[in-house]
N, C-alpha and C. Protein backbone atom coordinates (compact mmCIF):
# COMPACT_ATOMS: atom_id res chain seq x y z
N MET A 1 47.11 -40.44 -160.68
CA MET A 1 46.78 -41.51 -159.55
C MET A 1 46.87 -42.85 -159.95
N ALA A 2 46.77 -43.84 -159.22
CA ALA A 2 47.33 -45.10 -159.71
C ALA A 2 46.97 -45.88 -159.03
N ASN A 3 46.21 -47.48 -159.09
CA ASN A 3 45.58 -48.52 -158.36
C ASN A 3 46.16 -47.76 -157.01
N GLU A 4 45.93 -48.44 -155.64
CA GLU A 4 45.84 -48.51 -154.47
C GLU A 4 45.22 -49.37 -153.86
N ILE A 5 45.97 -50.20 -153.13
CA ILE A 5 46.04 -51.50 -152.39
C ILE A 5 45.57 -51.30 -150.89
N ILE A 6 44.34 -51.22 -150.27
CA ILE A 6 44.51 -51.68 -149.09
C ILE A 6 43.44 -53.02 -148.26
N THR A 7 43.26 -53.51 -146.87
CA THR A 7 43.51 -54.38 -146.70
C THR A 7 42.12 -54.84 -145.45
N LEU A 8 41.42 -55.08 -145.49
CA LEU A 8 40.24 -54.98 -144.86
C LEU A 8 39.78 -56.37 -144.26
N GLY A 9 39.47 -56.20 -143.26
CA GLY A 9 38.82 -57.43 -142.24
C GLY A 9 37.26 -56.99 -141.65
N GLY A 10 36.25 -57.50 -142.05
CA GLY A 10 34.83 -57.12 -141.85
C GLY A 10 33.89 -58.11 -141.63
N GLY A 11 35.02 -59.16 -140.85
CA GLY A 11 34.30 -60.39 -140.52
C GLY A 11 34.62 -61.40 -141.58
N CYS A 12 33.54 -62.35 -142.10
CA CYS A 12 33.97 -63.71 -142.99
C CYS A 12 34.21 -63.08 -144.80
N PHE A 13 35.29 -63.04 -145.00
CA PHE A 13 35.78 -62.16 -146.00
C PHE A 13 34.69 -62.56 -147.36
N TRP A 14 33.91 -63.96 -147.64
CA TRP A 14 33.14 -63.94 -148.98
C TRP A 14 32.05 -62.88 -148.67
N CYS A 15 31.47 -62.38 -147.17
CA CYS A 15 30.49 -60.80 -147.34
C CYS A 15 31.60 -59.41 -147.99
N THR A 16 32.62 -59.32 -147.03
CA THR A 16 33.18 -58.25 -147.94
C THR A 16 33.78 -57.79 -148.88
N GLU A 17 34.44 -59.55 -149.98
CA GLU A 17 34.55 -59.26 -151.03
C GLU A 17 33.31 -59.37 -151.76
N ALA A 18 32.07 -59.85 -151.79
CA ALA A 18 30.88 -59.49 -152.21
C ALA A 18 30.57 -58.10 -152.62
N VAL A 19 30.47 -57.62 -151.65
CA VAL A 19 30.70 -56.33 -151.64
C VAL A 19 31.23 -55.01 -152.66
N TYR A 20 32.31 -55.43 -152.08
CA TYR A 20 33.60 -54.89 -152.85
C TYR A 20 33.54 -55.04 -154.39
N GLU A 21 33.07 -56.28 -154.75
CA GLU A 21 32.70 -56.62 -156.23
C GLU A 21 32.03 -55.91 -156.59
N GLN A 22 31.04 -55.56 -156.36
CA GLN A 22 29.99 -54.14 -156.73
C GLN A 22 30.51 -52.96 -156.64
N VAL A 23 31.62 -52.39 -156.47
CA VAL A 23 31.91 -51.37 -156.28
C VAL A 23 32.41 -50.77 -157.45
N ASP A 24 32.13 -49.36 -158.14
CA ASP A 24 32.47 -49.09 -159.47
C ASP A 24 33.94 -48.47 -158.85
N GLY A 25 35.02 -48.20 -159.23
CA GLY A 25 36.27 -48.23 -159.31
C GLY A 25 37.27 -48.81 -158.23
N VAL A 26 36.49 -50.01 -158.17
CA VAL A 26 37.40 -51.27 -157.72
C VAL A 26 37.58 -51.98 -158.78
N VAL A 27 39.17 -52.17 -159.05
CA VAL A 27 39.68 -53.26 -159.62
C VAL A 27 39.55 -54.59 -159.52
N ALA A 28 40.05 -54.97 -158.59
CA ALA A 28 40.04 -56.09 -157.72
C ALA A 28 39.81 -56.83 -156.52
N VAL A 29 39.61 -57.70 -156.12
CA VAL A 29 39.40 -57.72 -154.71
C VAL A 29 40.13 -59.32 -155.02
N GLU A 30 40.17 -59.48 -153.26
CA GLU A 30 41.06 -61.31 -152.94
C GLU A 30 41.35 -61.54 -151.84
N SER A 31 40.33 -62.54 -151.72
CA SER A 31 40.46 -62.75 -150.05
C SER A 31 41.66 -63.59 -149.71
N GLY A 32 42.10 -63.25 -148.65
CA GLY A 32 43.34 -64.05 -147.67
C GLY A 32 42.95 -63.82 -146.34
N TYR A 33 43.85 -63.59 -146.14
CA TYR A 33 44.63 -64.36 -144.31
C TYR A 33 45.82 -63.28 -143.87
N SER A 34 45.67 -62.32 -143.33
CA SER A 34 47.12 -60.78 -142.79
C SER A 34 46.89 -61.13 -141.30
N ASN A 35 48.01 -60.43 -141.09
CA ASN A 35 48.64 -60.13 -139.45
C ASN A 35 48.20 -61.49 -137.96
N GLY A 36 48.56 -62.25 -138.66
CA GLY A 36 48.90 -63.23 -137.82
C GLY A 36 49.97 -63.87 -138.01
N HIS A 37 50.68 -64.84 -137.20
CA HIS A 37 51.64 -65.00 -137.13
C HIS A 37 52.66 -66.52 -138.02
N LEU A 38 51.63 -66.93 -138.15
CA LEU A 38 51.94 -68.52 -139.20
C LEU A 38 51.87 -67.99 -140.36
N PRO A 39 53.56 -68.13 -141.12
CA PRO A 39 53.26 -68.15 -142.69
C PRO A 39 52.46 -68.58 -143.54
N ASP A 40 51.57 -68.40 -144.56
CA ASP A 40 50.43 -68.97 -145.47
C ASP A 40 50.13 -70.00 -144.64
N PRO A 41 49.11 -69.97 -143.65
CA PRO A 41 48.00 -70.81 -143.24
C PRO A 41 47.12 -71.08 -143.70
N SER A 42 46.81 -71.87 -143.67
CA SER A 42 45.66 -72.45 -144.24
C SER A 42 43.89 -72.03 -143.76
N TYR A 43 42.90 -72.55 -144.65
CA TYR A 43 41.65 -72.22 -144.02
C TYR A 43 41.79 -72.72 -142.63
N GLU A 44 41.77 -73.98 -142.74
CA GLU A 44 41.73 -74.85 -141.41
C GLU A 44 42.38 -74.33 -140.24
N GLN A 45 43.63 -73.82 -140.59
CA GLN A 45 44.17 -72.92 -139.36
C GLN A 45 43.84 -71.51 -139.02
N VAL A 46 43.37 -70.70 -139.59
CA VAL A 46 42.90 -69.86 -139.07
C VAL A 46 41.32 -70.15 -138.28
N CYS A 47 40.72 -71.25 -138.83
CA CYS A 47 39.23 -71.14 -138.31
C CYS A 47 39.79 -71.76 -136.66
N ARG A 48 40.77 -72.48 -136.33
CA ARG A 48 40.84 -72.96 -135.43
C ARG A 48 40.80 -71.49 -134.66
N GLY A 49 41.81 -70.43 -134.90
CA GLY A 49 41.96 -69.55 -134.05
C GLY A 49 43.29 -69.39 -133.43
N ASP A 50 44.27 -69.77 -133.59
CA ASP A 50 45.29 -70.42 -132.80
C ASP A 50 46.80 -69.40 -133.73
N THR A 51 46.23 -68.81 -135.11
CA THR A 51 47.16 -68.25 -136.24
C THR A 51 47.60 -66.69 -135.65
N GLY A 52 46.56 -66.15 -135.31
CA GLY A 52 46.08 -64.94 -134.98
C GLY A 52 45.69 -64.33 -136.75
N HIS A 53 46.01 -65.05 -137.32
CA HIS A 53 44.64 -64.04 -138.70
C HIS A 53 43.90 -63.95 -138.45
N ASN A 54 43.33 -62.89 -139.25
CA ASN A 54 42.32 -62.01 -139.75
C ASN A 54 41.23 -62.67 -141.47
N GLU A 55 40.40 -62.94 -141.18
CA GLU A 55 40.02 -63.16 -142.59
C GLU A 55 39.74 -61.89 -143.48
N VAL A 56 40.54 -61.39 -144.46
CA VAL A 56 40.46 -60.10 -145.19
C VAL A 56 40.19 -60.13 -146.32
N VAL A 57 39.80 -59.29 -147.49
CA VAL A 57 40.14 -58.84 -148.82
C VAL A 57 40.95 -57.86 -148.60
N ARG A 58 42.29 -58.23 -149.83
CA ARG A 58 43.09 -56.72 -150.69
C ARG A 58 42.20 -56.70 -151.47
N VAL A 59 41.72 -54.81 -151.47
CA VAL A 59 40.57 -54.18 -152.11
C VAL A 59 41.89 -53.54 -152.99
N THR A 60 41.85 -54.24 -154.36
CA THR A 60 42.91 -52.84 -154.81
C THR A 60 42.04 -51.98 -155.97
N PHE A 61 41.76 -50.48 -155.42
CA PHE A 61 40.57 -49.72 -156.48
C PHE A 61 41.83 -48.55 -157.20
N ASP A 62 41.32 -47.90 -158.31
CA ASP A 62 41.75 -46.71 -158.70
C ASP A 62 40.92 -45.50 -158.48
N SER A 63 42.59 -44.86 -157.56
CA SER A 63 42.22 -44.07 -156.58
C SER A 63 41.59 -42.67 -157.54
N ALA A 64 41.70 -42.60 -158.65
CA ALA A 64 41.13 -41.82 -159.30
C ALA A 64 39.58 -41.40 -159.85
N ARG A 65 38.96 -42.96 -159.03
CA ARG A 65 37.55 -43.16 -159.47
C ARG A 65 36.94 -42.58 -158.11
N ILE A 66 37.83 -43.59 -157.17
CA ILE A 66 37.17 -43.42 -155.53
C ILE A 66 38.55 -43.47 -154.76
N THR A 67 37.94 -42.29 -153.78
CA THR A 67 38.90 -42.44 -152.65
C THR A 67 38.65 -43.47 -151.44
N LEU A 68 40.37 -43.76 -151.10
CA LEU A 68 40.19 -44.55 -149.89
C LEU A 68 39.20 -44.00 -149.18
N ARG A 69 39.21 -43.02 -148.60
CA ARG A 69 37.99 -42.74 -147.94
C ARG A 69 36.79 -43.20 -148.07
N GLU A 70 36.41 -43.19 -149.40
CA GLU A 70 35.00 -43.12 -149.44
C GLU A 70 35.09 -45.00 -149.57
N VAL A 71 36.01 -45.89 -149.68
CA VAL A 71 36.24 -47.51 -149.54
C VAL A 71 36.18 -47.46 -148.37
N LEU A 72 36.37 -46.61 -147.68
CA LEU A 72 36.36 -47.27 -145.90
C LEU A 72 35.19 -47.03 -144.92
N GLU A 73 34.85 -45.92 -146.26
CA GLU A 73 33.02 -45.37 -145.81
C GLU A 73 32.32 -46.09 -145.57
N ILE A 74 32.69 -47.56 -147.24
CA ILE A 74 31.56 -48.50 -147.23
C ILE A 74 32.19 -49.99 -146.61
N PHE A 75 33.55 -49.67 -146.30
CA PHE A 75 33.59 -51.04 -145.05
C PHE A 75 33.15 -50.31 -143.49
N PHE A 76 33.02 -49.27 -143.38
CA PHE A 76 32.23 -49.17 -141.44
C PHE A 76 30.74 -48.89 -141.91
N HIS A 77 30.26 -49.19 -143.00
CA HIS A 77 28.52 -48.99 -143.36
C HIS A 77 27.95 -50.69 -143.51
N VAL A 78 28.92 -51.23 -143.83
CA VAL A 78 28.38 -52.72 -144.12
C VAL A 78 29.00 -54.02 -143.21
N HIS A 79 29.63 -52.89 -142.45
CA HIS A 79 29.70 -54.35 -141.37
C HIS A 79 29.54 -53.76 -139.65
N ASP A 80 29.46 -54.54 -138.72
CA ASP A 80 29.34 -53.82 -137.66
C ASP A 80 30.99 -53.68 -136.61
N PRO A 81 31.01 -52.51 -136.33
CA PRO A 81 32.28 -52.72 -136.57
C PRO A 81 32.62 -52.30 -134.52
N THR A 82 31.45 -52.45 -134.34
CA THR A 82 31.35 -52.22 -132.68
C THR A 82 31.80 -53.84 -131.93
N THR A 83 31.22 -54.86 -132.81
CA THR A 83 31.39 -55.92 -132.30
C THR A 83 32.81 -56.75 -132.12
N LEU A 84 33.40 -57.25 -131.18
CA LEU A 84 35.02 -57.67 -130.74
C LEU A 84 34.93 -58.69 -131.50
N ASN A 85 36.10 -59.41 -132.15
CA ASN A 85 35.66 -61.18 -132.67
C ASN A 85 34.51 -61.41 -132.91
N ARG A 86 33.26 -60.69 -134.00
CA ARG A 86 32.28 -61.40 -133.91
C ARG A 86 31.78 -60.32 -135.08
N GLN A 87 30.91 -61.27 -136.00
CA GLN A 87 30.37 -60.48 -136.99
C GLN A 87 28.89 -61.54 -137.24
N GLY A 88 27.92 -61.20 -136.45
CA GLY A 88 26.84 -61.79 -137.12
C GLY A 88 26.55 -63.03 -135.89
N ASN A 89 27.11 -64.43 -136.53
CA ASN A 89 27.15 -65.22 -135.76
C ASN A 89 28.67 -66.00 -135.94
N ASP A 90 29.48 -65.48 -137.04
CA ASP A 90 30.69 -65.64 -136.64
C ASP A 90 31.50 -65.18 -135.65
N ALA A 91 31.83 -66.13 -135.16
CA ALA A 91 32.56 -65.73 -133.70
C ALA A 91 34.08 -66.11 -133.98
N GLY A 92 35.32 -65.15 -133.44
CA GLY A 92 36.94 -65.89 -133.43
C GLY A 92 37.75 -64.34 -134.00
N THR A 93 38.79 -64.86 -133.49
CA THR A 93 40.01 -63.27 -133.74
C THR A 93 39.47 -63.68 -135.06
N GLN A 94 39.64 -64.25 -135.77
CA GLN A 94 39.62 -64.32 -137.22
C GLN A 94 38.30 -63.32 -138.36
N TYR A 95 37.70 -63.15 -137.20
CA TYR A 95 36.17 -62.38 -137.84
C TYR A 95 36.54 -60.92 -137.17
N ARG A 96 37.71 -60.41 -136.67
CA ARG A 96 37.51 -59.31 -136.02
C ARG A 96 37.59 -57.82 -137.17
N SER A 97 37.25 -56.53 -136.77
CA SER A 97 37.24 -55.53 -137.94
C SER A 97 38.69 -55.30 -137.89
N GLY A 98 39.26 -55.15 -138.57
CA GLY A 98 40.36 -54.20 -139.22
C GLY A 98 40.87 -54.17 -140.45
N ILE A 99 41.62 -52.63 -140.63
CA ILE A 99 42.01 -51.91 -141.59
C ILE A 99 43.42 -52.18 -141.57
N TYR A 100 44.17 -52.78 -142.54
CA TYR A 100 45.58 -53.09 -142.44
C TYR A 100 46.02 -51.94 -143.44
N PHE A 101 47.06 -51.09 -143.22
CA PHE A 101 47.45 -50.36 -144.14
C PHE A 101 48.58 -50.54 -144.90
N GLY A 102 49.02 -49.83 -145.84
CA GLY A 102 50.36 -50.50 -146.94
C GLY A 102 51.48 -48.76 -146.75
N SER A 103 50.95 -47.77 -145.85
CA SER A 103 51.67 -46.16 -146.02
C SER A 103 51.14 -45.86 -144.88
N PRO A 104 52.02 -44.82 -144.76
CA PRO A 104 51.37 -43.49 -143.74
C PRO A 104 50.74 -43.09 -143.95
N GLU A 105 50.18 -42.61 -144.87
CA GLU A 105 49.13 -42.23 -145.64
C GLU A 105 47.78 -42.63 -145.59
N GLN A 106 47.87 -44.50 -146.02
CA GLN A 106 46.62 -45.22 -145.67
C GLN A 106 46.29 -44.72 -144.55
N GLU A 107 47.37 -45.07 -143.46
CA GLU A 107 47.23 -44.63 -142.05
C GLU A 107 46.66 -43.91 -141.64
N ARG A 108 47.10 -42.34 -142.00
CA ARG A 108 46.06 -41.30 -141.43
C ARG A 108 44.83 -41.13 -141.93
N VAL A 109 44.32 -41.64 -143.18
CA VAL A 109 43.34 -41.58 -143.54
C VAL A 109 42.04 -42.60 -143.11
N ALA A 110 42.81 -43.79 -142.94
CA ALA A 110 42.38 -44.70 -142.22
C ALA A 110 41.77 -44.04 -140.79
N ARG A 111 42.70 -43.68 -140.09
CA ARG A 111 42.41 -43.09 -138.64
C ARG A 111 41.06 -41.66 -138.41
N ASP A 112 41.57 -41.44 -139.01
CA ASP A 112 40.31 -40.35 -139.52
C ASP A 112 39.14 -40.39 -140.24
N VAL A 113 38.66 -41.70 -140.24
CA VAL A 113 37.53 -42.33 -141.01
C VAL A 113 37.54 -43.19 -139.94
N LEU A 114 37.86 -43.94 -139.40
CA LEU A 114 37.64 -44.19 -137.92
C LEU A 114 37.11 -43.11 -136.90
N ALA A 115 37.62 -42.30 -136.84
CA ALA A 115 37.28 -41.31 -135.42
C ALA A 115 35.82 -41.17 -135.72
N ASP A 116 35.58 -40.74 -137.55
CA ASP A 116 34.30 -39.99 -137.71
C ASP A 116 33.29 -41.47 -137.44
N ALA A 117 33.75 -42.98 -137.51
CA ALA A 117 32.81 -44.10 -137.53
C ALA A 117 32.59 -44.00 -136.30
N ASN A 118 33.57 -43.59 -135.21
CA ASN A 118 33.66 -43.92 -133.74
C ASN A 118 32.37 -42.68 -133.36
N ALA A 119 32.63 -41.50 -133.71
CA ALA A 119 31.45 -40.71 -133.40
C ALA A 119 30.56 -40.97 -134.02
N ALA A 120 29.66 -41.54 -134.95
CA ALA A 120 28.75 -41.96 -135.32
C ALA A 120 28.45 -43.51 -134.73
N HIS A 121 28.92 -44.24 -134.11
CA HIS A 121 28.36 -44.78 -133.11
C HIS A 121 28.73 -44.87 -131.54
N GLY A 122 28.61 -43.67 -131.07
CA GLY A 122 28.58 -43.66 -129.38
C GLY A 122 30.34 -43.83 -129.02
N GLY A 123 31.18 -43.82 -129.75
CA GLY A 123 32.55 -44.50 -128.89
C GLY A 123 32.88 -45.77 -129.18
N ARG A 124 32.02 -46.46 -129.64
CA ARG A 124 31.74 -48.36 -129.21
C ARG A 124 32.66 -48.90 -130.51
N VAL A 125 33.49 -48.10 -131.40
CA VAL A 125 34.11 -48.89 -132.17
C VAL A 125 35.61 -50.01 -132.00
N VAL A 126 35.69 -50.90 -132.45
CA VAL A 126 36.33 -51.82 -132.03
C VAL A 126 37.48 -52.17 -133.10
N THR A 127 37.82 -51.51 -134.40
CA THR A 127 38.26 -52.05 -135.55
C THR A 127 39.73 -51.37 -135.41
N GLU A 128 40.44 -52.60 -135.51
CA GLU A 128 42.02 -52.01 -135.35
C GLU A 128 42.33 -51.80 -136.83
N ILE A 129 43.55 -50.83 -136.19
CA ILE A 129 44.07 -50.85 -137.75
C ILE A 129 46.19 -50.66 -137.01
N GLU A 130 46.49 -51.59 -138.45
CA GLU A 130 47.99 -51.97 -138.02
C GLU A 130 48.26 -51.83 -139.40
N ALA A 131 49.07 -52.27 -139.42
CA ALA A 131 50.31 -51.82 -140.78
C ALA A 131 49.84 -53.74 -141.40
N LEU A 132 50.11 -53.82 -142.17
CA LEU A 132 49.97 -54.97 -143.23
C LEU A 132 51.09 -56.00 -142.95
N ALA A 133 50.42 -57.14 -142.27
CA ALA A 133 51.53 -58.10 -142.03
C ALA A 133 51.21 -59.93 -142.12
N ASN A 134 52.21 -60.39 -142.76
CA ASN A 134 51.96 -61.86 -143.17
C ASN A 134 50.87 -61.78 -143.81
N TYR A 135 50.10 -61.50 -145.40
CA TYR A 135 49.39 -61.53 -145.83
C TYR A 135 49.67 -62.59 -146.64
N SER A 136 48.57 -63.69 -146.62
CA SER A 136 48.32 -64.37 -148.24
C SER A 136 47.09 -64.81 -148.91
N ARG A 137 47.39 -65.26 -149.58
CA ARG A 137 46.25 -65.50 -150.40
C ARG A 137 45.42 -66.80 -149.73
N ALA A 138 43.91 -66.50 -149.73
CA ALA A 138 42.97 -67.88 -149.36
C ALA A 138 42.98 -68.51 -150.42
N GLU A 139 42.80 -69.73 -150.03
CA GLU A 139 42.71 -70.82 -151.28
C GLU A 139 41.60 -70.63 -152.74
N ASP A 140 41.45 -71.16 -153.45
CA ASP A 140 41.29 -70.56 -155.01
C ASP A 140 39.22 -71.11 -154.50
N TYR A 141 39.46 -71.99 -153.97
CA TYR A 141 37.53 -71.88 -153.75
C TYR A 141 37.24 -70.90 -152.81
N HIS A 142 38.16 -70.11 -152.29
CA HIS A 142 36.87 -69.15 -151.29
C HIS A 142 37.19 -67.90 -152.49
N GLN A 143 37.70 -67.43 -153.29
CA GLN A 143 37.90 -66.65 -154.26
C GLN A 143 36.42 -66.52 -155.04
N HIS A 144 36.06 -65.09 -154.85
CA HIS A 144 34.43 -64.83 -155.73
C HIS A 144 33.59 -65.71 -155.44
N TYR A 145 33.68 -66.08 -153.81
CA TYR A 145 32.52 -67.49 -153.41
C TYR A 145 30.82 -66.75 -153.36
N PHE A 146 30.77 -65.93 -153.14
CA PHE A 146 29.50 -65.53 -153.49
C PHE A 146 28.85 -65.20 -154.64
N ALA A 147 29.60 -64.78 -156.07
CA ALA A 147 28.98 -64.53 -157.41
C ALA A 147 29.34 -66.22 -157.91
N ASN A 148 30.20 -67.03 -157.42
CA ASN A 148 29.99 -68.83 -157.79
C ASN A 148 29.18 -69.63 -156.83
N HIS A 149 28.29 -69.23 -156.22
CA HIS A 149 27.59 -69.52 -155.47
C HIS A 149 26.40 -69.22 -154.23
N PRO A 150 25.94 -68.13 -155.23
CA PRO A 150 24.92 -67.58 -154.99
C PRO A 150 23.82 -67.88 -153.92
N ALA A 151 23.60 -69.49 -153.87
CA ALA A 151 22.17 -70.20 -153.63
C ALA A 151 22.80 -71.06 -152.70
N GLN A 152 24.04 -70.90 -152.06
CA GLN A 152 24.32 -71.63 -151.00
C GLN A 152 23.84 -70.83 -149.70
N GLY A 153 23.73 -71.58 -148.75
CA GLY A 153 22.99 -71.45 -147.53
C GLY A 153 23.76 -69.98 -146.97
N TYR A 154 25.03 -70.09 -147.04
CA TYR A 154 25.05 -68.97 -146.43
C TYR A 154 25.07 -67.89 -146.68
N CYS A 155 25.79 -67.98 -148.02
CA CYS A 155 25.68 -66.70 -148.71
C CYS A 155 24.27 -66.13 -148.80
N ALA A 156 23.38 -67.25 -149.51
CA ALA A 156 21.58 -66.55 -149.48
C ALA A 156 21.34 -65.88 -148.32
N LEU A 157 21.33 -66.38 -147.23
CA LEU A 157 20.89 -65.63 -145.91
C LEU A 157 22.38 -64.97 -144.88
N VAL A 158 23.47 -64.79 -145.29
CA VAL A 158 24.22 -63.85 -144.71
C VAL A 158 25.11 -62.86 -145.89
N VAL A 159 25.34 -63.25 -146.99
CA VAL A 159 26.49 -62.16 -147.78
C VAL A 159 24.57 -61.54 -148.76
N ALA A 160 24.13 -62.57 -149.03
CA ALA A 160 23.18 -61.51 -149.82
C ALA A 160 22.43 -60.40 -149.66
N PRO A 161 21.91 -59.93 -147.85
CA PRO A 161 21.83 -58.80 -147.62
C PRO A 161 22.29 -57.95 -147.48
N LYS A 162 24.12 -58.55 -147.10
CA LYS A 162 25.14 -57.20 -146.55
C LYS A 162 25.14 -56.61 -148.27
N VAL A 163 25.01 -57.67 -149.70
CA VAL A 163 25.39 -56.84 -150.37
C VAL A 163 24.11 -56.35 -151.27
N GLU A 164 23.52 -56.28 -150.64
CA GLU A 164 21.48 -56.02 -151.11
C GLU A 164 21.90 -54.53 -150.53
N LYS A 165 22.17 -54.32 -148.96
CA LYS A 165 22.26 -53.11 -148.36
C LYS A 165 23.19 -52.01 -148.93
N PHE A 166 24.68 -52.60 -149.42
CA PHE A 166 25.49 -51.81 -149.90
C PHE A 166 24.12 -51.06 -151.38
N ARG A 167 23.98 -52.07 -152.05
CA ARG A 167 23.44 -51.69 -153.50
C ARG A 167 22.37 -50.39 -153.29
N ARG A 168 21.34 -50.72 -152.11
CA ARG A 168 20.09 -49.61 -151.69
C ARG A 168 21.04 -48.08 -150.62
N THR A 169 22.35 -48.45 -150.77
CA THR A 169 22.60 -46.99 -149.55
C THR A 169 23.77 -46.34 -150.61
N PHE A 170 24.44 -47.34 -151.44
CA PHE A 170 25.41 -46.83 -152.26
C PHE A 170 25.11 -46.67 -153.65
N VAL A 171 23.97 -46.67 -154.14
CA VAL A 171 23.58 -46.85 -155.40
C VAL A 171 24.52 -45.46 -156.28
N ASP A 172 25.23 -44.46 -155.97
CA ASP A 172 25.79 -43.68 -157.15
C ASP A 172 27.72 -44.56 -156.40
N ARG A 173 27.64 -45.41 -156.20
CA ARG A 173 29.12 -46.61 -156.07
C ARG A 173 29.01 -47.54 -157.09
N LEU A 174 28.25 -48.22 -157.38
CA LEU A 174 27.66 -49.28 -158.08
C LEU A 174 28.33 -48.99 -159.05
N LYS A 175 28.93 -50.44 -159.53
CA LYS A 175 29.72 -50.20 -161.73
C LYS A 175 28.18 -50.69 -162.11
N HIS A 176 28.13 -50.18 -163.18
CA HIS A 176 27.80 -50.02 -164.12
C HIS A 176 28.04 -51.02 -165.64
N THR A 177 27.17 -52.84 -165.57
CA THR A 177 27.51 -53.86 -165.98
C THR A 177 26.89 -53.70 -167.49
C-alpha cells in the first residue's frame, strides 16, 4: 500500500486540519480551496462566496495504517453533515460539507460511508460527493493554524472543542508523539 490523498470540506479548514493532524496514519494535511470555478482564488475571494470554492483539507494518509473508510468515519463524526452551507456560526457555500475524490474506488467508499452516516442521521446528510476539481493550496498563514495559534479566540472557542471531541471519541486513532 502507498499514501493516498482525499480532500474534505467540513466547515472552516482550521477545524478540519487540526483534527486530522492528530490522526495516526495521516502523513500530511494541507488547507486549501476546491471545486469552484475561479483558478487559484484568494481567501478573500472565497469568503465573498462568489468563486464556488469550498474551504477544504487535503488529507494524505498511509493506507496501510488507516483506511479511507476510517478517515471518512472521523470526518462524519467531527462536523455536522446535516447543515447546508454552514458549520456553527460559519455560514456560506465555502463551509459546505463535501468529499472530493480522486478515483472511482474513493468515490465508492465515500458513497458507502455517506450511506451509513445518512442512516445514522435520519436521512438528513447534505454532504456532497464530487470529483476533486480546481484545487489550490490556501495561503501560508492558514497552514497548521490551530497548532500555531491555539490561544486565538476562534481556535480556543471553536477548534479546540472539535479536537477534544475527536481525541475523546477516537482514542485508538491518536498519533503517538
